[in-house]
Amino acid sequence: MEPGRTLLLVRQEPVTEDNLHIWLAKADGSELRRLHPTATRGEHAPVFSPDGKKIAFVTGPHGHERVYVSALDGSSERDLTPADTWADHPTWSPDSTEIAFHAVSYTDGTRQIYIADITGAAARRLPGSTDDFQPVWSPAY
């Protein structure tokens, strides 16, 4: 795929919640391919890393979603979500080394911001985060 000319999209086939899947395509619509062709769970909210090498996305049934990261070819898939939470709205750090997202506790329903290092270290909760959601990193200057 050509840098700056590749799209991520979500396609629903057939039309059920669990059949949302992430696809990549050139900007002209050619070379359409499914990112995770063997995935049986729904996938949505794909986001390219700023360096263009990885994709963060959300997967799982409604109310049990998890934030994942994978290589652009769909390999090296990793769950970044803390236990006992469901998560949404992944956003990349400008240097492509971390992903921020919000996670909702199954215990008390609070929304908290987490930051995960994509190398596999446990996600850490943003101090003071008690009912926050939809984080966005500032751009690099």
Protein backbone atom coordinates (compact mmCIF):
# COMPACT_ATOMS: atom_id res chain seq x y z
CA MET A 1 0.00 0.00 0.00
CA GLU A 2 1.18 3.50 -0.81
CA PRO A 3 1.93 5.89 2.09
CA GLY A 4 -0.67 8.63 2.27
CA ARG A 5 -2.90 6.86 -0.26
CA THR A 6 -4.27 3.97 1.82
CA LEU A 7 -7.63 3.88 3.56
CA LEU A 8 -8.88 1.88 6.50
CA LEU A 9 -12.59 1.16 6.44
CA VAL A 10 -15.12 -0.96 8.27
CA ARG A 11 -17.41 -3.17 6.20
CA GLN A 12 -20.44 -5.04 7.52
CA GLU A 13 -21.09 -8.34 5.70
CA PRO A 14 -23.65 -9.77 6.35
CA VAL A 15 -25.41 -7.07 8.31
CA THR A 16 -24.93 -8.15 11.93
CA GLU A 17 -22.96 -6.51 14.74
CA ASP A 18 -20.40 -9.34 14.89
CA ASN A 19 -19.69 -9.05 11.17
CA LEU A 20 -18.01 -5.64 11.22
CA HIS A 21 -14.51 -6.11 9.82
CA ILE A 22 -11.58 -3.85 9.01
CA TRP A 23 -10.49 -3.57 5.40
CA LEU A 24 -7.60 -1.75 3.71
CA ALA A 25 -7.78 -0.26 0.23
CA LYS A 26 -5.92 2.13 -2.00
CA ALA A 27 -7.53 5.58 -2.19
CA ASP A 28 -8.87 4.72 -5.66
CA GLY A 29 -10.72 1.68 -4.20
CA SER A 30 -8.39 -0.93 -5.65
CA GLU A 31 -6.54 -3.65 -3.74
CA LEU A 32 -9.29 -4.03 -1.17
CA ARG A 33 -8.34 -6.65 1.44
CA ARG A 34 -9.56 -7.67 4.85
CA LEU A 35 -7.01 -6.95 7.59
CA HIS A 36 -7.82 -10.00 9.75
CA PRO A 37 -9.43 -12.50 7.33
CA THR A 38 -9.97 -15.21 9.95
CA ALA A 39 -11.44 -12.95 12.68
CA THR A 40 -14.80 -14.16 13.92
CA ARG A 41 -15.51 -11.20 16.20
CA GLY A 42 -16.61 -7.74 15.13
CA GLU A 43 -13.93 -5.08 14.58
CA HIS A 44 -14.29 -1.30 14.31
CA ALA A 45 -12.67 2.10 15.01
CA PRO A 46 -9.41 1.44 13.11
CA VAL A 47 -6.63 4.04 13.45
CA PHE A 48 -3.27 4.08 11.65
CA SER A 49 -0.19 4.70 13.78
CA PRO A 50 1.52 7.97 12.79
CA ASP A 51 4.48 6.00 11.35
CA GLY A 52 2.04 3.94 9.23
CA LYS A 53 3.33 0.57 10.49
CA LYS A 54 0.56 -0.49 12.86
CA ILE A 55 -3.19 -0.25 13.37
CA ALA A 56 -5.11 0.17 16.62
CA PHE A 57 -8.70 -1.02 16.59
CA VAL A 58 -11.59 -2.14 18.77
CA THR A 59 -12.95 -5.67 18.73
CA GLY A 60 -15.41 -7.82 20.64
CA PRO A 61 -19.14 -7.98 21.30
CA HIS A 62 -21.00 -4.86 22.42
CA GLY A 63 -20.25 -4.09 26.07
CA HIS A 64 -17.15 -6.30 26.02
CA GLU A 65 -15.02 -4.44 23.47
CA ARG A 66 -11.23 -4.47 23.77
CA VAL A 67 -8.52 -2.29 22.23
CA TYR A 68 -6.01 -4.17 20.11
CA VAL A 69 -2.97 -3.29 18.04
CA SER A 70 -1.61 -5.22 15.06
CA ALA A 71 0.91 -4.84 12.29
CA LEU A 72 -0.34 -3.40 9.00
CA ASP A 73 -0.44 -6.92 7.53
CA GLY A 74 -2.72 -8.08 10.38
CA SER A 75 -0.04 -10.03 12.24
CA SER A 76 1.27 -9.53 15.79
CA GLU A 77 -2.17 -8.80 17.21
CA ARG A 78 -2.07 -7.77 20.88
CA ASP A 79 -4.84 -6.93 23.40
CA LEU A 80 -4.00 -3.72 25.33
CA THR A 81 -7.10 -3.63 27.53
CA PRO A 82 -6.83 -4.04 31.32
CA ALA A 83 -8.70 -6.98 32.88
CA ASP A 84 -12.20 -6.31 34.24
CA THR A 85 -12.85 -3.47 31.75
CA TRP A 86 -14.15 -2.93 28.25
CA ALA A 87 -12.47 -0.26 26.12
CA ASP A 88 -12.98 2.07 23.14
CA HIS A 89 -11.59 5.11 21.28
CA PRO A 90 -7.91 4.25 20.72
CA THR A 91 -5.62 7.15 19.80
CA TRP A 92 -1.91 6.99 18.96
CA SER A 93 0.88 9.02 20.51
CA PRO A 94 2.69 11.11 17.88
CA ASP A 95 5.79 8.87 18.10
CA SER A 96 3.74 5.66 17.55
CA THR A 97 4.93 4.04 20.80
CA GLU A 98 1.78 4.37 22.93
CA ILE A 99 -1.98 4.22 22.58
CA ALA A 100 -4.40 6.07 24.85
CA PHE A 101 -7.99 4.85 25.19
CA HIS A 102 -10.84 4.90 27.64
CA ALA A 103 -11.84 1.80 29.56
CA VAL A 104 -15.02 1.24 31.51
CA SER A 105 -14.92 -0.78 34.74
CA TYR A 106 -17.24 -3.79 34.92
CA THR A 107 -17.26 -3.27 38.70
CA ASP A 108 -18.50 0.32 39.08
CA GLY A 109 -18.99 1.64 35.53
CA THR A 110 -16.43 4.45 35.82
CA ARG A 111 -14.63 5.52 32.64
CA GLN A 112 -10.90 5.95 32.97
CA ILE A 113 -8.14 6.89 30.56
CA TYR A 114 -5.39 4.34 30.08
CA ILE A 115 -2.11 4.57 28.19
CA ALA A 116 -0.55 1.39 26.84
CA ASP A 117 2.96 0.88 25.52
CA ILE A 118 2.58 -1.13 22.30
CA THR A 119 5.50 -3.42 23.25
CA GLY A 120 3.25 -5.28 25.66
CA ALA A 121 3.75 -3.62 29.04
CA ALA A 122 0.57 -3.38 31.11
CA ALA A 123 -1.61 -0.36 30.39
CA ARG A 124 -1.38 2.31 33.07
CA ARG A 125 -4.26 4.41 34.29
CA LEU A 126 -3.93 8.17 33.90
CA PRO A 127 -3.67 9.49 37.49
CA GLY A 128 -6.83 11.26 38.60
CA SER A 129 -8.92 9.76 35.80
CA THR A 130 -12.30 8.92 37.33
CA ASP A 131 -14.97 9.48 34.67
CA ASP A 132 -13.10 10.47 31.53
CA PHE A 133 -13.36 9.27 27.95
CA GLN A 134 -12.33 9.82 24.29
CA PRO A 135 -8.69 10.89 24.75
CA VAL A 136 -6.79 12.55 21.89
CA TRP A 137 -3.01 13.13 21.73
CA SER A 138 -1.73 16.52 20.65
CA PRO A 139 0.20 16.45 17.36
CA ALA A 140 3.98 16.52 17.30
CA TYR A 141 5.37 19.94 16.44
